[in-house]
Amino acid sequence: MKQFLDLATVFGYLSLLTVGGGMAAFPELKQLTVDTYHWVTFPELMHYYSLGQLAPGPNMMMVASIGAQVAGLPGAAVVLVAFILPTGLLTFGIGRLWNRLANWPWRPAIQRGLGPVAVGLVLAGGIVLARGALSDAQSIALAVGVFALLMFTKINPAIPIVASGLVGIALYMI
């Protein structure tokens, strides 16, 4: 029972950190699931996150995999509810309030302030992920190549994702 409470507490808290998307919560996700509770290893967490990026739908649904690893199907259900419910309720409440405050003089300042916060949170998540994923010259070259493709072309992101997986398979087989 304590395990379910721990899962609900951790993922309820993490849901509130997802300003700017799931990557914003990644540093704290790593800290709690890998370093504090030892539910997964860092390589496992990176694999779950990568699969979440590849799968259709919201990428942070990968948290269900952690819940399943810890406590089976009930653990996955607890994690999903804990991860979705707090943010969903908060978004609903703030959305209603935000519409009522349309003429409030502080509203534009809040909007301008949240953008940089979201960017900072996402950047911090990217750095934590990069520290674990960029372990050798090949992975760094692959990351730079994918970054360049996505920045300077209009290529569909699915293409470099699948191609990177195929390169990884080829490198593993060599």
N, C-alpha and C. Protein backbone atom coordinates (compact mmCIF):
# COMPACT_ATOMS: atom_id res chain seq x y z
N MET A 1 0.82 -1.20 0.00
CA MET A 1 0.00 0.00 0.00
C MET A 1 0.87 1.27 0.00
N LYS A 2 1.96 1.23 0.77
CA LYS A 2 2.87 2.38 0.82
C LYS A 2 3.45 2.65 -0.57
N GLN A 3 3.70 1.58 -1.31
CA GLN A 3 4.26 1.73 -2.66
C GLN A 3 3.30 2.53 -3.56
N PHE A 4 2.01 2.26 -3.46
CA PHE A 4 1.03 3.00 -4.26
C PHE A 4 0.96 4.46 -3.83
N LEU A 5 1.03 4.68 -2.52
CA LEU A 5 1.03 6.05 -2.01
C LEU A 5 2.27 6.81 -2.48
N ASP A 6 3.43 6.14 -2.45
CA ASP A 6 4.66 6.77 -2.95
C ASP A 6 4.54 7.10 -4.43
N LEU A 7 4.03 6.17 -5.22
CA LEU A 7 3.85 6.42 -6.66
C LEU A 7 2.91 7.60 -6.88
N ALA A 8 1.78 7.62 -6.17
CA ALA A 8 0.81 8.71 -6.33
C ALA A 8 1.41 10.05 -5.92
N THR A 9 2.15 10.07 -4.83
CA THR A 9 2.75 11.32 -4.36
C THR A 9 3.79 11.84 -5.34
N VAL A 10 4.68 10.96 -5.76
CA VAL A 10 5.76 11.37 -6.67
C VAL A 10 5.19 11.86 -8.00
N PHE A 11 4.29 11.11 -8.60
CA PHE A 11 3.80 11.48 -9.92
C PHE A 11 2.77 12.60 -9.87
N GLY A 12 2.06 12.75 -8.75
CA GLY A 12 1.20 13.92 -8.58
C GLY A 12 2.03 15.19 -8.51
N TYR A 13 3.13 15.13 -7.78
CA TYR A 13 4.07 16.25 -7.70
C TYR A 13 4.69 16.54 -9.07
N LEU A 14 5.14 15.50 -9.75
CA LEU A 14 5.77 15.70 -11.06
C LEU A 14 4.81 16.32 -12.07
N SER A 15 3.52 15.98 -11.96
CA SER A 15 2.56 16.54 -12.91
C SER A 15 2.50 18.05 -12.83
N LEU A 16 2.77 18.59 -11.65
CA LEU A 16 2.72 20.04 -11.47
C LEU A 16 3.96 20.75 -12.02
N LEU A 17 4.98 19.97 -12.37
CA LEU A 17 6.21 20.54 -12.91
C LEU A 17 6.26 20.55 -14.43
N THR A 18 5.22 20.11 -15.07
CA THR A 18 5.26 19.94 -16.52
C THR A 18 4.93 21.22 -17.29
N VAL A 19 5.23 22.37 -16.71
CA VAL A 19 5.08 23.64 -17.43
C VAL A 19 6.03 23.59 -18.62
N GLY A 20 5.51 23.71 -19.80
CA GLY A 20 6.36 23.66 -20.98
C GLY A 20 6.48 22.26 -21.55
N GLY A 21 5.80 21.30 -20.97
CA GLY A 21 5.85 19.94 -21.49
C GLY A 21 6.57 18.99 -20.55
N GLY A 22 6.56 17.73 -20.92
CA GLY A 22 7.13 16.69 -20.08
C GLY A 22 8.62 16.83 -19.82
N MET A 23 9.35 17.35 -20.80
CA MET A 23 10.79 17.50 -20.62
C MET A 23 11.10 18.43 -19.45
N ALA A 24 10.19 19.34 -19.14
CA ALA A 24 10.40 20.26 -18.03
C ALA A 24 10.51 19.51 -16.70
N ALA A 25 9.82 18.39 -16.59
CA ALA A 25 9.84 17.62 -15.35
C ALA A 25 10.93 16.55 -15.34
N PHE A 26 11.65 16.39 -16.44
CA PHE A 26 12.60 15.28 -16.55
C PHE A 26 13.68 15.29 -15.48
N PRO A 27 14.31 16.43 -15.14
CA PRO A 27 15.34 16.38 -14.09
C PRO A 27 14.80 15.86 -12.76
N GLU A 28 13.63 16.31 -12.38
CA GLU A 28 13.04 15.86 -11.12
C GLU A 28 12.55 14.41 -11.24
N LEU A 29 12.04 14.03 -12.42
CA LEU A 29 11.65 12.64 -12.67
C LEU A 29 12.85 11.73 -12.47
N LYS A 30 14.00 12.11 -13.01
CA LYS A 30 15.21 11.32 -12.85
C LYS A 30 15.62 11.27 -11.38
N GLN A 31 15.61 12.42 -10.71
CA GLN A 31 16.01 12.47 -9.30
C GLN A 31 15.15 11.54 -8.45
N LEU A 32 13.85 11.59 -8.64
CA LEU A 32 12.96 10.82 -7.78
C LEU A 32 12.91 9.34 -8.15
N THR A 33 12.77 9.03 -9.43
CA THR A 33 12.58 7.62 -9.81
C THR A 33 13.88 6.83 -9.84
N VAL A 34 15.00 7.51 -10.13
CA VAL A 34 16.29 6.81 -10.21
C VAL A 34 17.07 6.94 -8.91
N ASP A 35 17.28 8.17 -8.46
CA ASP A 35 18.18 8.41 -7.33
C ASP A 35 17.54 8.23 -5.97
N THR A 36 16.28 8.63 -5.82
CA THR A 36 15.63 8.57 -4.51
C THR A 36 14.96 7.22 -4.26
N TYR A 37 14.04 6.82 -5.13
CA TYR A 37 13.27 5.59 -4.92
C TYR A 37 13.88 4.36 -5.59
N HIS A 38 14.78 4.54 -6.52
CA HIS A 38 15.44 3.43 -7.23
C HIS A 38 14.43 2.51 -7.92
N TRP A 39 13.39 3.10 -8.47
CA TRP A 39 12.39 2.32 -9.19
C TRP A 39 12.91 1.86 -10.54
N VAL A 40 13.72 2.70 -11.18
CA VAL A 40 14.31 2.38 -12.47
C VAL A 40 15.76 2.86 -12.47
N THR A 41 16.52 2.37 -13.42
CA THR A 41 17.88 2.88 -13.61
C THR A 41 17.81 4.04 -14.60
N PHE A 42 18.87 4.83 -14.66
CA PHE A 42 18.86 5.95 -15.60
C PHE A 42 18.76 5.48 -17.05
N PRO A 43 19.49 4.43 -17.45
CA PRO A 43 19.29 3.94 -18.83
C PRO A 43 17.85 3.49 -19.09
N GLU A 44 17.21 2.84 -18.11
CA GLU A 44 15.81 2.45 -18.30
C GLU A 44 14.92 3.67 -18.47
N LEU A 45 15.16 4.69 -17.65
CA LEU A 45 14.36 5.91 -17.75
C LEU A 45 14.54 6.56 -19.12
N MET A 46 15.76 6.60 -19.62
CA MET A 46 16.00 7.18 -20.95
C MET A 46 15.31 6.35 -22.03
N HIS A 47 15.29 5.04 -21.88
CA HIS A 47 14.61 4.19 -22.86
C HIS A 47 13.10 4.45 -22.82
N TYR A 48 12.54 4.53 -21.62
CA TYR A 48 11.11 4.82 -21.50
C TYR A 48 10.78 6.17 -22.13
N TYR A 49 11.61 7.16 -21.85
CA TYR A 49 11.36 8.49 -22.40
C TYR A 49 11.46 8.47 -23.93
N SER A 50 12.47 7.78 -24.45
CA SER A 50 12.64 7.69 -25.90
C SER A 50 11.45 7.01 -26.54
N LEU A 51 10.96 5.94 -25.92
CA LEU A 51 9.77 5.26 -26.46
C LEU A 51 8.56 6.17 -26.40
N GLY A 52 8.46 6.95 -25.33
CA GLY A 52 7.36 7.91 -25.22
C GLY A 52 7.40 8.94 -26.33
N GLN A 53 8.61 9.35 -26.73
CA GLN A 53 8.76 10.30 -27.83
C GLN A 53 8.33 9.67 -29.15
N LEU A 54 8.61 8.40 -29.31
CA LEU A 54 8.32 7.70 -30.56
C LEU A 54 6.84 7.34 -30.68
N ALA A 55 6.20 7.03 -29.56
CA ALA A 55 4.81 6.59 -29.58
C ALA A 55 3.87 7.75 -29.90
N PRO A 56 2.75 7.44 -30.54
CA PRO A 56 1.77 8.50 -30.80
C PRO A 56 1.12 8.97 -29.49
N GLY A 57 0.66 10.19 -29.48
CA GLY A 57 0.00 10.73 -28.29
C GLY A 57 0.98 11.45 -27.39
N PRO A 58 0.53 11.84 -26.21
CA PRO A 58 1.39 12.57 -25.29
C PRO A 58 2.59 11.73 -24.86
N ASN A 59 3.78 12.30 -25.00
CA ASN A 59 5.00 11.53 -24.72
C ASN A 59 5.15 11.16 -23.25
N MET A 60 4.55 11.90 -22.35
CA MET A 60 4.72 11.59 -20.93
C MET A 60 3.83 10.45 -20.44
N MET A 61 3.07 9.85 -21.34
CA MET A 61 2.33 8.66 -20.94
C MET A 61 3.29 7.52 -20.62
N MET A 62 4.58 7.73 -20.94
CA MET A 62 5.60 6.75 -20.61
C MET A 62 5.72 6.54 -19.10
N VAL A 63 5.19 7.46 -18.30
CA VAL A 63 5.27 7.28 -16.85
C VAL A 63 4.52 6.04 -16.41
N ALA A 64 3.53 5.62 -17.18
CA ALA A 64 2.80 4.40 -16.86
C ALA A 64 3.73 3.19 -16.85
N SER A 65 4.74 3.22 -17.70
CA SER A 65 5.71 2.12 -17.74
C SER A 65 6.48 2.01 -16.43
N ILE A 66 6.78 3.15 -15.83
CA ILE A 66 7.46 3.12 -14.53
C ILE A 66 6.54 2.55 -13.48
N GLY A 67 5.29 3.00 -13.46
CA GLY A 67 4.32 2.45 -12.52
C GLY A 67 4.13 0.96 -12.69
N ALA A 68 4.10 0.50 -13.95
CA ALA A 68 3.95 -0.93 -14.22
C ALA A 68 5.16 -1.71 -13.75
N GLN A 69 6.35 -1.14 -13.94
CA GLN A 69 7.56 -1.82 -13.49
C GLN A 69 7.60 -1.94 -11.96
N VAL A 70 7.07 -0.93 -11.29
CA VAL A 70 7.11 -0.91 -9.82
C VAL A 70 6.01 -1.79 -9.22
N ALA A 71 4.79 -1.69 -9.76
CA ALA A 71 3.66 -2.37 -9.10
C ALA A 71 2.66 -2.96 -10.08
N GLY A 72 3.12 -3.35 -11.26
CA GLY A 72 2.24 -4.00 -12.22
C GLY A 72 1.18 -3.06 -12.78
N LEU A 73 0.10 -3.63 -13.29
CA LEU A 73 -0.97 -2.85 -13.90
C LEU A 73 -1.61 -1.87 -12.92
N PRO A 74 -1.85 -2.26 -11.65
CA PRO A 74 -2.38 -1.27 -10.70
C PRO A 74 -1.42 -0.09 -10.50
N GLY A 75 -0.13 -0.34 -10.51
CA GLY A 75 0.86 0.74 -10.38
C GLY A 75 0.79 1.69 -11.56
N ALA A 76 0.62 1.13 -12.77
CA ALA A 76 0.49 1.97 -13.96
C ALA A 76 -0.75 2.85 -13.86
N ALA A 77 -1.85 2.29 -13.39
CA ALA A 77 -3.09 3.06 -13.25
C ALA A 77 -2.94 4.17 -12.22
N VAL A 78 -2.32 3.87 -11.09
CA VAL A 78 -2.10 4.88 -10.05
C VAL A 78 -1.25 6.02 -10.59
N VAL A 79 -0.18 5.68 -11.29
CA VAL A 79 0.72 6.70 -11.84
C VAL A 79 -0.01 7.57 -12.86
N LEU A 80 -0.78 6.97 -13.75
CA LEU A 80 -1.49 7.76 -14.77
C LEU A 80 -2.49 8.72 -14.14
N VAL A 81 -3.25 8.24 -13.18
CA VAL A 81 -4.23 9.12 -12.51
C VAL A 81 -3.50 10.23 -11.76
N ALA A 82 -2.44 9.86 -11.04
CA ALA A 82 -1.70 10.86 -10.26
C ALA A 82 -1.01 11.87 -11.17
N PHE A 83 -0.61 11.46 -12.33
CA PHE A 83 0.11 12.35 -13.24
C PHE A 83 -0.84 13.26 -14.02
N ILE A 84 -2.04 12.80 -14.31
CA ILE A 84 -2.97 13.57 -15.14
C ILE A 84 -3.92 14.43 -14.30
N LEU A 85 -4.42 13.90 -13.20
CA LEU A 85 -5.47 14.57 -12.44
C LEU A 85 -5.06 15.94 -11.87
N PRO A 86 -3.94 16.07 -11.15
CA PRO A 86 -3.63 17.39 -10.58
C PRO A 86 -3.47 18.48 -11.64
N THR A 87 -2.73 18.19 -12.68
CA THR A 87 -2.52 19.19 -13.72
C THR A 87 -3.82 19.48 -14.47
N GLY A 88 -4.62 18.44 -14.70
CA GLY A 88 -5.90 18.64 -15.38
C GLY A 88 -6.82 19.55 -14.58
N LEU A 89 -6.92 19.29 -13.29
CA LEU A 89 -7.78 20.14 -12.44
C LEU A 89 -7.23 21.56 -12.34
N LEU A 90 -5.92 21.69 -12.19
CA LEU A 90 -5.30 23.01 -12.11
C LEU A 90 -5.50 23.79 -13.41
N THR A 91 -5.33 23.13 -14.54
CA THR A 91 -5.52 23.78 -15.83
C THR A 91 -6.96 24.22 -16.01
N PHE A 92 -7.88 23.37 -15.62
CA PHE A 92 -9.30 23.72 -15.73
C PHE A 92 -9.61 24.95 -14.88
N GLY A 93 -9.15 24.94 -13.64
CA GLY A 93 -9.42 26.07 -12.73
C GLY A 93 -8.77 27.36 -13.19
N ILE A 94 -7.51 27.29 -13.59
CA ILE A 94 -6.80 28.49 -14.05
C ILE A 94 -7.39 28.99 -15.36
N GLY A 95 -7.78 28.07 -16.23
CA GLY A 95 -8.41 28.48 -17.49
C GLY A 95 -9.68 29.29 -17.26
N ARG A 96 -10.49 28.86 -16.31
CA ARG A 96 -11.71 29.60 -15.99
C ARG A 96 -11.38 30.96 -15.40
N LEU A 97 -10.42 30.99 -14.49
CA LEU A 97 -10.00 32.25 -13.87
C LEU A 97 -9.36 33.18 -14.89
N TRP A 98 -8.54 32.61 -15.78
CA TRP A 98 -7.81 33.40 -16.78
C TRP A 98 -8.78 34.15 -17.69
N ASN A 99 -9.87 33.52 -18.04
CA ASN A 99 -10.88 34.18 -18.89
C ASN A 99 -11.53 35.34 -18.15
N ARG A 100 -11.75 35.19 -16.85
CA ARG A 100 -12.34 36.27 -16.06
C ARG A 100 -11.38 37.44 -15.87
N LEU A 101 -10.08 37.16 -15.96
CA LEU A 101 -9.08 38.21 -15.75
C LEU A 101 -8.56 38.78 -17.06
N ALA A 102 -9.37 38.73 -18.10
CA ALA A 102 -8.93 39.18 -19.43
C ALA A 102 -8.43 40.62 -19.42
N ASN A 103 -9.00 41.48 -18.62
CA ASN A 103 -8.61 42.89 -18.59
C ASN A 103 -7.71 43.24 -17.42
N TRP A 104 -7.23 42.25 -16.71
CA TRP A 104 -6.37 42.47 -15.55
C TRP A 104 -5.02 42.99 -16.03
N PRO A 105 -4.48 44.06 -15.45
CA PRO A 105 -3.22 44.63 -15.96
C PRO A 105 -1.99 43.73 -15.79
N TRP A 106 -2.02 42.80 -14.86
CA TRP A 106 -0.88 41.90 -14.63
C TRP A 106 -0.85 40.72 -15.59
N ARG A 107 -1.94 40.48 -16.28
CA ARG A 107 -2.03 39.29 -17.15
C ARG A 107 -0.94 39.25 -18.22
N PRO A 108 -0.68 40.31 -18.97
CA PRO A 108 0.40 40.25 -19.98
C PRO A 108 1.78 40.00 -19.37
N ALA A 109 2.03 40.55 -18.20
CA ALA A 109 3.32 40.33 -17.54
C ALA A 109 3.49 38.87 -17.16
N ILE A 110 2.44 38.26 -16.67
CA ILE A 110 2.49 36.83 -16.31
C ILE A 110 2.75 36.00 -17.56
N GLN A 111 2.06 36.32 -18.64
CA GLN A 111 2.25 35.58 -19.88
C GLN A 111 3.69 35.71 -20.39
N ARG A 112 4.25 36.90 -20.34
CA ARG A 112 5.64 37.09 -20.78
C ARG A 112 6.62 36.38 -19.86
N GLY A 113 6.31 36.29 -18.59
CA GLY A 113 7.21 35.64 -17.63
C GLY A 113 7.21 34.12 -17.72
N LEU A 114 6.09 33.54 -18.10
CA LEU A 114 6.01 32.08 -18.15
C LEU A 114 6.78 31.48 -19.31
N GLY A 115 6.92 32.18 -20.41
CA GLY A 115 7.66 31.67 -21.57
C GLY A 115 9.10 31.33 -21.22
N PRO A 116 9.87 32.27 -20.66
CA PRO A 116 11.25 31.95 -20.30
C PRO A 116 11.36 30.85 -19.25
N VAL A 117 10.40 30.78 -18.34
CA VAL A 117 10.43 29.71 -17.34
C VAL A 117 10.29 28.36 -18.02
N ALA A 118 9.35 28.26 -18.94
CA ALA A 118 9.15 27.01 -19.67
C ALA A 118 10.40 26.64 -20.46
N VAL A 119 11.02 27.61 -21.11
CA VAL A 119 12.24 27.34 -21.88
C VAL A 119 13.35 26.84 -20.95
N GLY A 120 13.52 27.49 -19.81
CA GLY A 120 14.55 27.07 -18.85
C GLY A 120 14.32 25.66 -18.33
N LEU A 121 13.06 25.33 -18.02
CA LEU A 121 12.75 23.99 -17.54
C LEU A 121 13.01 22.93 -18.60
N VAL A 122 12.62 23.22 -19.83
CA VAL A 122 12.85 22.26 -20.92
C VAL A 122 14.35 22.11 -21.19
N LEU A 123 15.08 23.21 -21.16
CA LEU A 123 16.53 23.15 -21.37
C LEU A 123 17.21 22.33 -20.27
N ALA A 124 16.80 22.52 -19.03
CA ALA A 124 17.37 21.73 -17.93
C ALA A 124 17.09 20.24 -18.14
N GLY A 125 15.88 19.91 -18.59
CA GLY A 125 15.55 18.52 -18.88
C GLY A 125 16.41 17.96 -20.00
N GLY A 126 16.61 18.76 -21.04
CA GLY A 126 17.45 18.33 -22.16
C GLY A 126 18.88 18.06 -21.73
N ILE A 127 19.39 18.90 -20.84
CA ILE A 127 20.77 18.72 -20.35
C ILE A 127 20.89 17.43 -19.54
N VAL A 128 19.92 17.17 -18.67
CA VAL A 128 19.95 15.93 -17.87
C VAL A 128 19.89 14.72 -18.78
N LEU A 129 19.03 14.75 -19.77
CA LEU A 129 18.91 13.64 -20.72
C LEU A 129 20.19 13.48 -21.53
N ALA A 130 20.77 14.59 -21.97
CA ALA A 130 22.01 14.53 -22.77
C ALA A 130 23.16 13.93 -21.98
N ARG A 131 23.25 14.22 -20.69
CA ARG A 131 24.33 13.68 -19.88
C ARG A 131 24.32 12.15 -19.86
N GLY A 132 23.15 11.59 -19.93
CA GLY A 132 23.05 10.14 -19.92
C GLY A 132 23.12 9.51 -21.30
N ALA A 133 22.62 10.24 -22.30
CA ALA A 133 22.53 9.66 -23.64
C ALA A 133 23.78 9.86 -24.48
N LEU A 134 24.51 10.93 -24.27
CA LEU A 134 25.68 11.23 -25.10
C LEU A 134 26.93 10.69 -24.41
N SER A 135 27.17 9.42 -24.65
CA SER A 135 28.23 8.73 -23.91
C SER A 135 29.49 8.47 -24.73
N ASP A 136 29.42 8.65 -26.04
CA ASP A 136 30.60 8.40 -26.88
C ASP A 136 30.51 9.27 -28.14
N ALA A 137 31.55 9.22 -28.96
CA ALA A 137 31.61 10.06 -30.15
C ALA A 137 30.47 9.76 -31.13
N GLN A 138 30.07 8.48 -31.22
CA GLN A 138 29.00 8.12 -32.15
C GLN A 138 27.66 8.73 -31.73
N SER A 139 27.36 8.67 -30.43
CA SER A 139 26.09 9.23 -29.98
C SER A 139 26.08 10.75 -30.09
N ILE A 140 27.22 11.37 -29.86
CA ILE A 140 27.31 12.83 -30.01
C ILE A 140 27.13 13.21 -31.48
N ALA A 141 27.78 12.49 -32.38
CA ALA A 141 27.64 12.77 -33.82
C ALA A 141 26.20 12.59 -34.27
N LEU A 142 25.55 11.55 -33.79
CA LEU A 142 24.16 11.29 -34.15
C LEU A 142 23.27 12.42 -33.64
N ALA A 143 23.49 12.86 -32.40
CA ALA A 143 22.69 13.95 -31.83
C ALA A 143 22.89 15.25 -32.61
N VAL A 144 24.13 15.57 -32.95
CA VAL A 144 24.41 16.78 -33.72
C VAL A 144 23.76 16.70 -35.10
N GLY A 145 23.84 15.54 -35.72
CA GLY A 145 23.23 15.36 -37.04
C GLY A 145 21.72 15.53 -37.01
N VAL A 146 21.08 14.92 -36.03
CA VAL A 146 19.62 15.04 -35.91
C VAL A 146 19.23 16.49 -35.59
N PHE A 147 19.98 17.12 -34.69
CA PHE A 147 19.72 18.52 -34.35
C PHE A 147 19.81 19.39 -35.61
N ALA A 148 20.86 19.21 -36.39
CA ALA A 148 21.05 20.01 -37.60
C ALA A 148 19.91 19.76 -38.60
N LEU A 149 19.54 18.51 -38.78
CA LEU A 149 18.43 18.20 -39.69
C LEU A 149 17.15 18.89 -39.27
N LEU A 150 16.84 18.83 -37.99
CA LEU A 150 15.59 19.41 -37.50
C LEU A 150 15.62 20.94 -37.49
N MET A 151 16.80 21.52 -37.28
CA MET A 151 16.90 22.98 -37.25
C MET A 151 16.89 23.60 -38.64
N PHE A 152 17.51 22.94 -39.60
CA PHE A 152 17.75 23.58 -40.88
C PHE A 152 16.94 23.01 -42.03
N THR A 153 16.09 22.03 -41.77
CA THR A 153 15.21 21.49 -42.81
C THR A 153 13.80 21.41 -42.26
N LYS A 154 12.89 21.03 -43.10
CA LYS A 154 11.50 20.85 -42.68
C LYS A 154 11.16 19.36 -42.64
N ILE A 155 12.16 18.55 -42.32
CA ILE A 155 11.98 17.10 -42.30
C ILE A 155 11.02 16.69 -41.18
N ASN A 156 10.23 15.69 -41.45
CA ASN A 156 9.35 15.14 -40.44
C ASN A 156 10.21 14.51 -39.33
N PRO A 157 10.02 14.87 -38.06
CA PRO A 157 10.85 14.34 -36.98
C PRO A 157 10.85 12.81 -36.88
N ALA A 158 9.80 12.17 -37.37
CA ALA A 158 9.74 10.71 -37.30
C ALA A 158 10.85 10.08 -38.13
N ILE A 159 11.26 10.73 -39.20
CA ILE A 159 12.29 10.16 -40.08
C ILE A 159 13.63 10.04 -39.36
N PRO A 160 14.17 11.11 -38.74
CA PRO A 160 15.43 10.93 -38.01
C PRO A 160 15.30 10.03 -36.79
N ILE A 161 14.12 9.97 -36.18
CA ILE A 161 13.93 9.07 -35.04
C ILE A 161 14.09 7.62 -35.49
N VAL A 162 13.38 7.25 -36.55
CA VAL A 162 13.47 5.88 -37.05
C VAL A 162 14.88 5.60 -37.59
N ALA A 163 15.44 6.57 -38.31
CA ALA A 163 16.80 6.39 -38.85
C ALA A 163 17.82 6.22 -37.72
N SER A 164 17.67 6.97 -36.66
CA SER A 164 18.59 6.85 -35.52
C SER A 164 18.48 5.48 -34.87
N GLY A 165 17.26 4.98 -34.78
CA GLY A 165 17.09 3.63 -34.25
C GLY A 165 17.76 2.60 -35.12
N LEU A 166 17.64 2.74 -36.42
CA LEU A 166 18.30 1.81 -37.35
C LEU A 166 19.82 1.92 -37.25
N VAL A 167 20.33 3.14 -37.11
CA VAL A 167 21.79 3.32 -36.92
C VAL A 167 22.22 2.65 -35.63
N GLY A 168 21.44 2.82 -34.58
CA GLY A 168 21.76 2.17 -33.31
C GLY A 168 21.80 0.66 -33.43
N ILE A 169 20.86 0.08 -34.15
CA ILE A 169 20.83 -1.37 -34.37
C ILE A 169 22.07 -1.78 -35.14
N ALA A 170 22.39 -1.04 -36.19
CA ALA A 170 23.57 -1.37 -37.02
C ALA A 170 24.84 -1.30 -36.19
N LEU A 171 24.98 -0.26 -35.38
CA LEU A 171 26.19 -0.11 -34.55
C LEU A 171 26.28 -1.24 -33.50
N TYR A 172 25.13 -1.66 -32.99
CA TYR A 172 25.09 -2.73 -32.00
C TYR A 172 25.52 -4.05 -32.62
N MET A 173 25.15 -4.27 -33.87
CA MET A 173 25.45 -5.53 -34.54
C MET A 173 26.91 -5.62 -34.99
N ILE A 174 27.57 -4.47 -35.09
CA ILE A 174 28.96 -4.48 -35.55
C ILE A 174 29.89 -4.94 -34.45
